[in-house]
Amino acid sequence: CGGIHMSDIPTFPYELLWGEREIISV
């Protein structure tokens, strides 16, 4: 996530994150 501001993140199923995917802010 490359921005300093972002609108709210909606809920999502854990399946999308599973598999050692990562979410990183800058």
mmCIF file of all heavy atoms, coordinates in Angstrom:
data_MODEL
# 
_entry.id   MODEL 
# 
loop_
_atom_site.group_PDB 
_atom_site.id 
_atom_site.type_symbol 
_atom_site.label_atom_id 
_atom_site.label_alt_id 
_atom_site.label_comp_id 
_atom_site.label_asym_id 
_atom_site.label_entity_id 
_atom_site.label_seq_id 
_atom_site.pdbx_PDB_ins_code 
_atom_site.Cartn_x 
_atom_site.Cartn_y 
_atom_site.Cartn_z 
_atom_site.occupancy 
_atom_site.B_iso_or_equiv 
_atom_site.pdbx_formal_charge 
_atom_site.auth_seq_id 
_atom_site.auth_comp_id 
_atom_site.auth_asym_id 
_atom_site.auth_atom_id 
_atom_site.pdbx_PDB_model_num 
ATOM 1   N N   . CYS A 1 1  ? 0.866   -1.183  0.000  1.00 0.00 ? 1  CYS A N   1 
ATOM 2   C CA  . CYS A 1 1  ? 0.000   0.000   0.000  1.00 0.00 ? 1  CYS A CA  1 
ATOM 3   C C   . CYS A 1 1  ? 0.901   1.231   0.000  1.00 0.00 ? 1  CYS A C   1 
ATOM 4   O O   . CYS A 1 1  ? 1.555   1.529   0.996  1.00 0.00 ? 1  CYS A O   1 
ATOM 5   C CB  . CYS A 1 1  ? -0.909  -0.002  1.221  1.00 0.00 ? 1  CYS A CB  1 
ATOM 6   S SG  . CYS A 1 1  ? -1.892  -1.509  1.390  1.00 0.00 ? 1  CYS A SG  1 
ATOM 7   N N   . GLY A 1 2  ? 0.932   1.943   -1.128 1.00 0.00 ? 2  GLY A N   1 
ATOM 8   C CA  . GLY A 1 2  ? 1.910   2.999   -1.314 1.00 0.00 ? 2  GLY A CA  1 
ATOM 9   C C   . GLY A 1 2  ? 1.456   4.383   -0.913 1.00 0.00 ? 2  GLY A C   1 
ATOM 10  O O   . GLY A 1 2  ? 2.231   5.331   -1.033 1.00 0.00 ? 2  GLY A O   1 
ATOM 11  N N   . GLY A 1 3  ? 0.236   4.548   -0.444 1.00 0.00 ? 3  GLY A N   1 
ATOM 12  C CA  . GLY A 1 3  ? -0.261  5.883   -0.123 1.00 0.00 ? 3  GLY A CA  1 
ATOM 13  C C   . GLY A 1 3  ? -0.175  6.200   1.355  1.00 0.00 ? 3  GLY A C   1 
ATOM 14  O O   . GLY A 1 3  ? -0.094  5.308   2.208  1.00 0.00 ? 3  GLY A O   1 
ATOM 15  N N   . ILE A 1 4  ? -0.231  7.491   1.682  1.00 0.00 ? 4  ILE A N   1 
ATOM 16  C CA  . ILE A 1 4  ? -0.209  7.929   3.074  1.00 0.00 ? 4  ILE A CA  1 
ATOM 17  C C   . ILE A 1 4  ? -1.599  7.854   3.693  1.00 0.00 ? 4  ILE A C   1 
ATOM 18  O O   . ILE A 1 4  ? -1.767  7.847   4.906  1.00 0.00 ? 4  ILE A O   1 
ATOM 19  C CB  . ILE A 1 4  ? 0.343   9.369   3.174  1.00 0.00 ? 4  ILE A CB  1 
ATOM 20  C CG1 . ILE A 1 4  ? 0.652   9.731   4.620  1.00 0.00 ? 4  ILE A CG1 1 
ATOM 21  C CG2 . ILE A 1 4  ? -0.623  10.374  2.547  1.00 0.00 ? 4  ILE A CG2 1 
ATOM 22  C CD1 . ILE A 1 4  ? 1.363   11.053  4.772  1.00 0.00 ? 4  ILE A CD1 1 
ATOM 23  N N   . HIS A 1 5  ? -2.630  7.790   2.859  1.00 0.00 ? 5  HIS A N   1 
ATOM 24  C CA  . HIS A 1 5  ? -4.016  7.721   3.333  1.00 0.00 ? 5  HIS A CA  1 
ATOM 25  C C   . HIS A 1 5  ? -4.769  6.744   2.447  1.00 0.00 ? 5  HIS A C   1 
ATOM 26  O O   . HIS A 1 5  ? -4.511  6.648   1.240  1.00 0.00 ? 5  HIS A O   1 
ATOM 27  C CB  . HIS A 1 5  ? -4.677  9.102   3.260  1.00 0.00 ? 5  HIS A CB  1 
ATOM 28  C CG  . HIS A 1 5  ? -6.154  9.059   3.526  1.00 0.00 ? 5  HIS A CG  1 
ATOM 29  N ND1 . HIS A 1 5  ? -6.677  9.002   4.805  1.00 0.00 ? 5  HIS A ND1 1 
ATOM 30  C CD2 . HIS A 1 5  ? -7.216  9.052   2.686  1.00 0.00 ? 5  HIS A CD2 1 
ATOM 31  C CE1 . HIS A 1 5  ? -7.990  8.972   4.738  1.00 0.00 ? 5  HIS A CE1 1 
ATOM 32  N NE2 . HIS A 1 5  ? -8.343  9.011   3.466  1.00 0.00 ? 5  HIS A NE2 1 
ATOM 33  N N   . MET A 1 6  ? -5.675  5.996   3.057  1.00 0.00 ? 6  MET A N   1 
ATOM 34  C CA  . MET A 1 6  ? -6.485  5.050   2.298  1.00 0.00 ? 6  MET A CA  1 
ATOM 35  C C   . MET A 1 6  ? -7.848  4.952   2.970  1.00 0.00 ? 6  MET A C   1 
ATOM 36  O O   . MET A 1 6  ? -7.951  5.041   4.201  1.00 0.00 ? 6  MET A O   1 
ATOM 37  C CB  . MET A 1 6  ? -5.801  3.682   2.248  1.00 0.00 ? 6  MET A CB  1 
ATOM 38  C CG  . MET A 1 6  ? -6.539  2.625   1.442  1.00 0.00 ? 6  MET A CG  1 
ATOM 39  S SD  . MET A 1 6  ? -5.605  1.073   1.297  1.00 0.00 ? 6  MET A SD  1 
ATOM 40  C CE  . MET A 1 6  ? -4.605  1.418   -0.146 1.00 0.00 ? 6  MET A CE  1 
ATOM 41  N N   . SER A 1 7  ? -8.883  4.775   2.187  1.00 0.00 ? 7  SER A N   1 
ATOM 42  C CA  . SER A 1 7  ? -10.210 4.569   2.762  1.00 0.00 ? 7  SER A CA  1 
ATOM 43  C C   . SER A 1 7  ? -10.238 3.227   3.496  1.00 0.00 ? 7  SER A C   1 
ATOM 44  O O   . SER A 1 7  ? -9.328  2.400   3.358  1.00 0.00 ? 7  SER A O   1 
ATOM 45  C CB  . SER A 1 7  ? -11.275 4.609   1.663  1.00 0.00 ? 7  SER A CB  1 
ATOM 46  O OG  . SER A 1 7  ? -11.034 3.601   0.688  1.00 0.00 ? 7  SER A OG  1 
ATOM 47  N N   . ASP A 1 8  ? -11.282 3.006   4.275  1.00 0.00 ? 8  ASP A N   1 
ATOM 48  C CA  . ASP A 1 8  ? -11.351 1.809   5.109  1.00 0.00 ? 8  ASP A CA  1 
ATOM 49  C C   . ASP A 1 8  ? -11.266 0.531   4.276  1.00 0.00 ? 8  ASP A C   1 
ATOM 50  O O   . ASP A 1 8  ? -11.808 0.450   3.160  1.00 0.00 ? 8  ASP A O   1 
ATOM 51  C CB  . ASP A 1 8  ? -12.640 1.794   5.924  1.00 0.00 ? 8  ASP A CB  1 
ATOM 52  C CG  . ASP A 1 8  ? -12.639 2.843   7.021  1.00 0.00 ? 8  ASP A CG  1 
ATOM 53  O OD1 . ASP A 1 8  ? -11.558 3.407   7.304  1.00 0.00 ? 8  ASP A OD1 1 
ATOM 54  O OD2 . ASP A 1 8  ? -13.714 3.105   7.589  1.00 0.00 ? 8  ASP A OD2 1 
ATOM 55  N N   . ILE A 1 9  ? -10.598 -0.456  4.837  1.00 0.00 ? 9  ILE A N   1 
ATOM 56  C CA  . ILE A 1 9  ? -10.446 -1.741  4.175  1.00 0.00 ? 9  ILE A CA  1 
ATOM 57  C C   . ILE A 1 9  ? -11.640 -2.616  4.557  1.00 0.00 ? 9  ILE A C   1 
ATOM 58  O O   . ILE A 1 9  ? -11.910 -2.825  5.741  1.00 0.00 ? 9  ILE A O   1 
ATOM 59  C CB  . ILE A 1 9  ? -9.141  -2.435  4.605  1.00 0.00 ? 9  ILE A CB  1 
ATOM 60  C CG1 . ILE A 1 9  ? -7.942  -1.521  4.319  1.00 0.00 ? 9  ILE A CG1 1 
ATOM 61  C CG2 . ILE A 1 9  ? -8.972  -3.781  3.908  1.00 0.00 ? 9  ILE A CG2 1 
ATOM 62  C CD1 . ILE A 1 9  ? -6.662  -1.986  4.977  1.00 0.00 ? 9  ILE A CD1 1 
ATOM 63  N N   . PRO A 1 10 ? -12.374 -3.128  3.591  1.00 0.00 ? 10 PRO A N   1 
ATOM 64  C CA  . PRO A 1 10 ? -13.521 -3.978  3.922  1.00 0.00 ? 10 PRO A CA  1 
ATOM 65  C C   . PRO A 1 10 ? -13.064 -5.338  4.447  1.00 0.00 ? 10 PRO A C   1 
ATOM 66  O O   . PRO A 1 10 ? -11.933 -5.759  4.235  1.00 0.00 ? 10 PRO A O   1 
ATOM 67  C CB  . PRO A 1 10 ? -14.253 -4.120  2.581  1.00 0.00 ? 10 PRO A CB  1 
ATOM 68  C CG  . PRO A 1 10 ? -13.181 -3.950  1.550  1.00 0.00 ? 10 PRO A CG  1 
ATOM 69  C CD  . PRO A 1 10 ? -12.211 -2.951  2.142  1.00 0.00 ? 10 PRO A CD  1 
ATOM 70  N N   . THR A 1 11 ? -13.948 -6.014  5.156  1.00 0.00 ? 11 THR A N   1 
ATOM 71  C CA  . THR A 1 11 ? -13.636 -7.372  5.585  1.00 0.00 ? 11 THR A CA  1 
ATOM 72  C C   . THR A 1 11 ? -13.490 -8.274  4.364  1.00 0.00 ? 11 THR A C   1 
ATOM 73  O O   . THR A 1 11 ? -14.104 -8.046  3.324  1.00 0.00 ? 11 THR A O   1 
ATOM 74  C CB  . THR A 1 11 ? -14.727 -7.926  6.501  1.00 0.00 ? 11 THR A CB  1 
ATOM 75  O OG1 . THR A 1 11 ? -15.976 -7.896  5.804  1.00 0.00 ? 11 THR A OG1 1 
ATOM 76  C CG2 . THR A 1 11 ? -14.841 -7.102  7.775  1.00 0.00 ? 11 THR A CG2 1 
ATOM 77  N N   . PHE A 1 12 ? -12.642 -9.270  4.504  1.00 0.00 ? 12 PHE A N   1 
ATOM 78  C CA  . PHE A 1 12 ? -12.467 -10.217 3.408  1.00 0.00 ? 12 PHE A CA  1 
ATOM 79  C C   . PHE A 1 12 ? -12.115 -11.580 3.989  1.00 0.00 ? 12 PHE A C   1 
ATOM 80  O O   . PHE A 1 12 ? -11.594 -11.673 5.112  1.00 0.00 ? 12 PHE A O   1 
ATOM 81  C CB  . PHE A 1 12 ? -11.399 -9.747  2.414  1.00 0.00 ? 12 PHE A CB  1 
ATOM 82  C CG  . PHE A 1 12 ? -10.039 -9.505  3.008  1.00 0.00 ? 12 PHE A CG  1 
ATOM 83  C CD1 . PHE A 1 12 ? -9.104  -10.530 3.151  1.00 0.00 ? 12 PHE A CD1 1 
ATOM 84  C CD2 . PHE A 1 12 ? -9.671  -8.234  3.436  1.00 0.00 ? 12 PHE A CD2 1 
ATOM 85  C CE1 . PHE A 1 12 ? -7.860  -10.302 3.692  1.00 0.00 ? 12 PHE A CE1 1 
ATOM 86  C CE2 . PHE A 1 12 ? -8.415  -7.995  3.981  1.00 0.00 ? 12 PHE A CE2 1 
ATOM 87  C CZ  . PHE A 1 12 ? -7.506  -9.038  4.105  1.00 0.00 ? 12 PHE A CZ  1 
ATOM 88  N N   . PRO A 1 13 ? -12.384 -12.660 3.262  1.00 0.00 ? 13 PRO A N   1 
ATOM 89  C CA  . PRO A 1 13 ? -12.123 -13.992 3.804  1.00 0.00 ? 13 PRO A CA  1 
ATOM 90  C C   . PRO A 1 13 ? -10.632 -14.254 3.976  1.00 0.00 ? 13 PRO A C   1 
ATOM 91  O O   . PRO A 1 13 ? -9.816  -13.821 3.159  1.00 0.00 ? 13 PRO A O   1 
ATOM 92  C CB  . PRO A 1 13 ? -12.738 -14.929 2.759  1.00 0.00 ? 13 PRO A CB  1 
ATOM 93  C CG  . PRO A 1 13 ? -12.806 -14.126 1.504  1.00 0.00 ? 13 PRO A CG  1 
ATOM 94  C CD  . PRO A 1 13 ? -13.019 -12.705 1.943  1.00 0.00 ? 13 PRO A CD  1 
ATOM 95  N N   . TYR A 1 14 ? -10.304 -14.955 5.034  1.00 0.00 ? 14 TYR A N   1 
ATOM 96  C CA  . TYR A 1 14 ? -8.908  -15.279 5.339  1.00 0.00 ? 14 TYR A CA  1 
ATOM 97  C C   . TYR A 1 14 ? -8.258  -16.031 4.175  1.00 0.00 ? 14 TYR A C   1 
ATOM 98  O O   . TYR A 1 14 ? -7.039  -15.952 3.978  1.00 0.00 ? 14 TYR A O   1 
ATOM 99  C CB  . TYR A 1 14 ? -8.847  -16.109 6.613  1.00 0.00 ? 14 TYR A CB  1 
ATOM 100 C CG  . TYR A 1 14 ? -7.455  -16.564 6.978  1.00 0.00 ? 14 TYR A CG  1 
ATOM 101 C CD1 . TYR A 1 14 ? -6.471  -15.643 7.310  1.00 0.00 ? 14 TYR A CD1 1 
ATOM 102 C CD2 . TYR A 1 14 ? -7.125  -17.924 6.990  1.00 0.00 ? 14 TYR A CD2 1 
ATOM 103 C CE1 . TYR A 1 14 ? -5.190  -16.056 7.647  1.00 0.00 ? 14 TYR A CE1 1 
ATOM 104 C CE2 . TYR A 1 14 ? -5.859  -18.350 7.326  1.00 0.00 ? 14 TYR A CE2 1 
ATOM 105 C CZ  . TYR A 1 14 ? -4.885  -17.418 7.651  1.00 0.00 ? 14 TYR A CZ  1 
ATOM 106 O OH  . TYR A 1 14 ? -3.626  -17.828 7.980  1.00 0.00 ? 14 TYR A OH  1 
ATOM 107 N N   . GLU A 1 15 ? -9.053  -16.732 3.406  1.00 0.00 ? 15 GLU A N   1 
ATOM 108 C CA  . GLU A 1 15 ? -8.535  -17.484 2.267  1.00 0.00 ? 15 GLU A CA  1 
ATOM 109 C C   . GLU A 1 15 ? -7.705  -16.605 1.334  1.00 0.00 ? 15 GLU A C   1 
ATOM 110 O O   . GLU A 1 15 ? -6.730  -17.059 0.724  1.00 0.00 ? 15 GLU A O   1 
ATOM 111 C CB  . GLU A 1 15 ? -9.704  -18.100 1.500  1.00 0.00 ? 15 GLU A CB  1 
ATOM 112 C CG  . GLU A 1 15 ? -9.311  -18.877 0.252  1.00 0.00 ? 15 GLU A CG  1 
ATOM 113 C CD  . GLU A 1 15 ? -10.521 -19.349 -0.531 1.00 0.00 ? 15 GLU A CD  1 
ATOM 114 O OE1 . GLU A 1 15 ? -11.654 -19.068 -0.095 1.00 0.00 ? 15 GLU A OE1 1 
ATOM 115 O OE2 . GLU A 1 15 ? -10.328 -19.988 -1.580 1.00 0.00 ? 15 GLU A OE2 1 
ATOM 116 N N   . LEU A 1 16 ? -8.074  -15.306 1.199  1.00 0.00 ? 16 LEU A N   1 
ATOM 117 C CA  . LEU A 1 16 ? -7.329  -14.410 0.304  1.00 0.00 ? 16 LEU A CA  1 
ATOM 118 C C   . LEU A 1 16 ? -5.925  -14.114 0.833  1.00 0.00 ? 16 LEU A C   1 
ATOM 119 O O   . LEU A 1 16 ? -4.997  -13.884 0.064  1.00 0.00 ? 16 LEU A O   1 
ATOM 120 C CB  . LEU A 1 16 ? -8.094  -13.093 0.111  1.00 0.00 ? 16 LEU A CB  1 
ATOM 121 C CG  . LEU A 1 16 ? -9.418  -13.170 -0.637 1.00 0.00 ? 16 LEU A CG  1 
ATOM 122 C CD1 . LEU A 1 16 ? -10.015 -11.774 -0.763 1.00 0.00 ? 16 LEU A CD1 1 
ATOM 123 C CD2 . LEU A 1 16 ? -9.247  -13.806 -2.012 1.00 0.00 ? 16 LEU A CD2 1 
ATOM 124 N N   . LEU A 1 17 ? -5.771  -14.106 2.145  1.00 0.00 ? 17 LEU A N   1 
ATOM 125 C CA  . LEU A 1 17 ? -4.480  -13.806 2.749  1.00 0.00 ? 17 LEU A CA  1 
ATOM 126 C C   . LEU A 1 17 ? -3.644  -15.062 2.970  1.00 0.00 ? 17 LEU A C   1 
ATOM 127 O O   . LEU A 1 17 ? -2.405  -15.007 2.969  1.00 0.00 ? 17 LEU A O   1 
ATOM 128 C CB  . LEU A 1 17 ? -4.695  -13.086 4.084  1.00 0.00 ? 17 LEU A CB  1 
ATOM 129 C CG  . LEU A 1 17 ? -3.464  -12.548 4.810  1.00 0.00 ? 17 LEU A CG  1 
ATOM 130 C CD1 . LEU A 1 17 ? -2.738  -11.511 3.966  1.00 0.00 ? 17 LEU A CD1 1 
ATOM 131 C CD2 . LEU A 1 17 ? -3.859  -11.964 6.156  1.00 0.00 ? 17 LEU A CD2 1 
ATOM 132 N N   . TRP A 1 18 ? -4.314  -16.168 3.136  1.00 0.00 ? 18 TRP A N   1 
ATOM 133 C CA  . TRP A 1 18 ? -3.624  -17.426 3.430  1.00 0.00 ? 18 TRP A CA  1 
ATOM 134 C C   . TRP A 1 18 ? -2.643  -17.763 2.309  1.00 0.00 ? 18 TRP A C   1 
ATOM 135 O O   . TRP A 1 18 ? -2.751  -17.267 1.202  1.00 0.00 ? 18 TRP A O   1 
ATOM 136 C CB  . TRP A 1 18 ? -4.650  -18.547 3.585  1.00 0.00 ? 18 TRP A CB  1 
ATOM 137 C CG  . TRP A 1 18 ? -4.030  -19.843 4.024  1.00 0.00 ? 18 TRP A CG  1 
ATOM 138 C CD1 . TRP A 1 18 ? -3.673  -20.200 5.293  1.00 0.00 ? 18 TRP A CD1 1 
ATOM 139 C CD2 . TRP A 1 18 ? -3.673  -20.934 3.170  1.00 0.00 ? 18 TRP A CD2 1 
ATOM 140 N NE1 . TRP A 1 18 ? -3.118  -21.457 5.293  1.00 0.00 ? 18 TRP A NE1 1 
ATOM 141 C CE2 . TRP A 1 18 ? -3.098  -21.936 3.998  1.00 0.00 ? 18 TRP A CE2 1 
ATOM 142 C CE3 . TRP A 1 18 ? -3.772  -21.168 1.807  1.00 0.00 ? 18 TRP A CE3 1 
ATOM 143 C CZ2 . TRP A 1 18 ? -2.631  -23.146 3.502  1.00 0.00 ? 18 TRP A CZ2 1 
ATOM 144 C CZ3 . TRP A 1 18 ? -3.308  -22.366 1.302  1.00 0.00 ? 18 TRP A CZ3 1 
ATOM 145 C CH2 . TRP A 1 18 ? -2.750  -23.348 2.141  1.00 0.00 ? 18 TRP A CH2 1 
ATOM 146 N N   . GLY A 1 19 ? -1.698  -18.631 2.592  1.00 0.00 ? 19 GLY A N   1 
ATOM 147 C CA  . GLY A 1 19 ? -0.692  -18.972 1.598  1.00 0.00 ? 19 GLY A CA  1 
ATOM 148 C C   . GLY A 1 19 ? 0.500   -18.041 1.682  1.00 0.00 ? 19 GLY A C   1 
ATOM 149 O O   . GLY A 1 19 ? 1.214   -17.827 0.701  1.00 0.00 ? 19 GLY A O   1 
ATOM 150 N N   . GLU A 1 20 ? 0.722   -17.484 2.883  1.00 0.00 ? 20 GLU A N   1 
ATOM 151 C CA  . GLU A 1 20 ? 1.865   -16.606 3.144  1.00 0.00 ? 20 GLU A CA  1 
ATOM 152 C C   . GLU A 1 20 ? 1.907   -15.371 2.246  1.00 0.00 ? 20 GLU A C   1 
ATOM 153 O O   . GLU A 1 20 ? 2.962   -14.851 1.909  1.00 0.00 ? 20 GLU A O   1 
ATOM 154 C CB  . GLU A 1 20 ? 3.183   -17.385 3.070  1.00 0.00 ? 20 GLU A CB  1 
ATOM 155 C CG  . GLU A 1 20 ? 3.233   -18.506 4.094  1.00 0.00 ? 20 GLU A CG  1 
ATOM 156 C CD  . GLU A 1 20 ? 4.582   -19.173 4.224  1.00 0.00 ? 20 GLU A CD  1 
ATOM 157 O OE1 . GLU A 1 20 ? 5.504   -18.846 3.435  1.00 0.00 ? 20 GLU A OE1 1 
ATOM 158 O OE2 . GLU A 1 20 ? 4.730   -20.032 5.118  1.00 0.00 ? 20 GLU A OE2 1 
ATOM 159 N N   . ARG A 1 21 ? 0.724   -14.906 1.875  1.00 0.00 ? 21 ARG A N   1 
ATOM 160 C CA  . ARG A 1 21 ? 0.653   -13.598 1.222  1.00 0.00 ? 21 ARG A CA  1 
ATOM 161 C C   . ARG A 1 21 ? 0.858   -12.518 2.281  1.00 0.00 ? 21 ARG A C   1 
ATOM 162 O O   . ARG A 1 21 ? 0.576   -12.724 3.455  1.00 0.00 ? 21 ARG A O   1 
ATOM 163 C CB  . ARG A 1 21 ? -0.692  -13.425 0.519  1.00 0.00 ? 21 ARG A CB  1 
ATOM 164 C CG  . ARG A 1 21 ? -0.906  -14.398 -0.645 1.00 0.00 ? 21 ARG A CG  1 
ATOM 165 C CD  . ARG A 1 21 ? -2.299  -14.254 -1.235 1.00 0.00 ? 21 ARG A CD  1 
ATOM 166 N NE  . ARG A 1 21 ? -2.487  -15.120 -2.380 1.00 0.00 ? 21 ARG A NE  1 
ATOM 167 C CZ  . ARG A 1 21 ? -2.919  -16.392 -2.299 1.00 0.00 ? 21 ARG A CZ  1 
ATOM 168 N NH1 . ARG A 1 21 ? -3.201  -16.919 -1.110 1.00 0.00 ? 21 ARG A NH1 1 
ATOM 169 N NH2 . ARG A 1 21 ? -3.058  -17.120 -3.390 1.00 0.00 ? 21 ARG A NH2 1 
ATOM 170 N N   . GLU A 1 22 ? 1.343   -11.366 1.858  1.00 0.00 ? 22 GLU A N   1 
ATOM 171 C CA  . GLU A 1 22 ? 1.645   -10.283 2.796  1.00 0.00 ? 22 GLU A CA  1 
ATOM 172 C C   . GLU A 1 22 ? 0.989   -8.984  2.342  1.00 0.00 ? 22 GLU A C   1 
ATOM 173 O O   . GLU A 1 22 ? 0.855   -8.741  1.144  1.00 0.00 ? 22 GLU A O   1 
ATOM 174 C CB  . GLU A 1 22 ? 3.154   -10.042 2.881  1.00 0.00 ? 22 GLU A CB  1 
ATOM 175 C CG  . GLU A 1 22 ? 3.985   -11.222 3.338  1.00 0.00 ? 22 GLU A CG  1 
ATOM 176 C CD  . GLU A 1 22 ? 5.465   -10.891 3.302  1.00 0.00 ? 22 GLU A CD  1 
ATOM 177 O OE1 . GLU A 1 22 ? 5.864   -9.876  3.898  1.00 0.00 ? 22 GLU A OE1 1 
ATOM 178 O OE2 . GLU A 1 22 ? 6.220   -11.640 2.655  1.00 0.00 ? 22 GLU A OE2 1 
ATOM 179 N N   . ILE A 1 23 ? 0.603   -8.164  3.323  1.00 0.00 ? 23 ILE A N   1 
ATOM 180 C CA  . ILE A 1 23 ? 0.150   -6.791  3.067  1.00 0.00 ? 23 ILE A CA  1 
ATOM 181 C C   . ILE A 1 23 ? 1.110   -5.868  3.818  1.00 0.00 ? 23 ILE A C   1 
ATOM 182 O O   . ILE A 1 23 ? 1.322   -6.026  5.020  1.00 0.00 ? 23 ILE A O   1 
ATOM 183 C CB  . ILE A 1 23 ? -1.286  -6.552  3.562  1.00 0.00 ? 23 ILE A CB  1 
ATOM 184 C CG1 . ILE A 1 23 ? -2.255  -7.542  2.909  1.00 0.00 ? 23 ILE A CG1 1 
ATOM 185 C CG2 . ILE A 1 23 ? -1.723  -5.121  3.265  1.00 0.00 ? 23 ILE A CG2 1 
ATOM 186 C CD1 . ILE A 1 23 ? -3.651  -7.501  3.511  1.00 0.00 ? 23 ILE A CD1 1 
ATOM 187 N N   . ILE A 1 24 ? 1.699   -4.914  3.110  1.00 0.00 ? 24 ILE A N   1 
ATOM 188 C CA  . ILE A 1 24 ? 2.702   -4.019  3.692  1.00 0.00 ? 24 ILE A CA  1 
ATOM 189 C C   . ILE A 1 24 ? 2.321   -2.574  3.387  1.00 0.00 ? 24 ILE A C   1 
ATOM 190 O O   . ILE A 1 24 ? 1.903   -2.253  2.268  1.00 0.00 ? 24 ILE A O   1 
ATOM 191 C CB  . ILE A 1 24 ? 4.097   -4.303  3.113  1.00 0.00 ? 24 ILE A CB  1 
ATOM 192 C CG1 . ILE A 1 24 ? 4.515   -5.757  3.356  1.00 0.00 ? 24 ILE A CG1 1 
ATOM 193 C CG2 . ILE A 1 24 ? 5.143   -3.361  3.696  1.00 0.00 ? 24 ILE A CG2 1 
ATOM 194 C CD1 . ILE A 1 24 ? 5.816   -6.130  2.687  1.00 0.00 ? 24 ILE A CD1 1 
ATOM 195 N N   . SER A 1 25 ? 2.467   -1.696  4.376  1.00 0.00 ? 25 SER A N   1 
ATOM 196 C CA  . SER A 1 25 ? 2.282   -0.262  4.127  1.00 0.00 ? 25 SER A CA  1 
ATOM 197 C C   . SER A 1 25 ? 3.646   0.407   3.968  1.00 0.00 ? 25 SER A C   1 
ATOM 198 O O   . SER A 1 25 ? 4.673   -0.133  4.372  1.00 0.00 ? 25 SER A O   1 
ATOM 199 C CB  . SER A 1 25 ? 1.512   0.387   5.283  1.00 0.00 ? 25 SER A CB  1 
ATOM 200 O OG  . SER A 1 25 ? 2.300   0.392   6.462  1.00 0.00 ? 25 SER A OG  1 
ATOM 201 N N   . VAL A 1 26 ? 3.628   1.578   3.380  1.00 0.00 ? 26 VAL A N   1 
ATOM 202 C CA  . VAL A 1 26 ? 4.849   2.350   3.154  1.00 0.00 ? 26 VAL A CA  1 
ATOM 203 C C   . VAL A 1 26 ? 4.705   3.691   3.861  1.00 0.00 ? 26 VAL A C   1 
ATOM 204 O O   . VAL A 1 26 ? 3.682   4.371   3.711  1.00 0.00 ? 26 VAL A O   1 
ATOM 205 C CB  . VAL A 1 26 ? 5.102   2.561   1.652  1.00 0.00 ? 26 VAL A CB  1 
ATOM 206 C CG1 . VAL A 1 26 ? 6.273   3.504   1.435  1.00 0.00 ? 26 VAL A CG1 1 
ATOM 207 C CG2 . VAL A 1 26 ? 5.374   1.231   0.968  1.00 0.00 ? 26 VAL A CG2 1 
# 
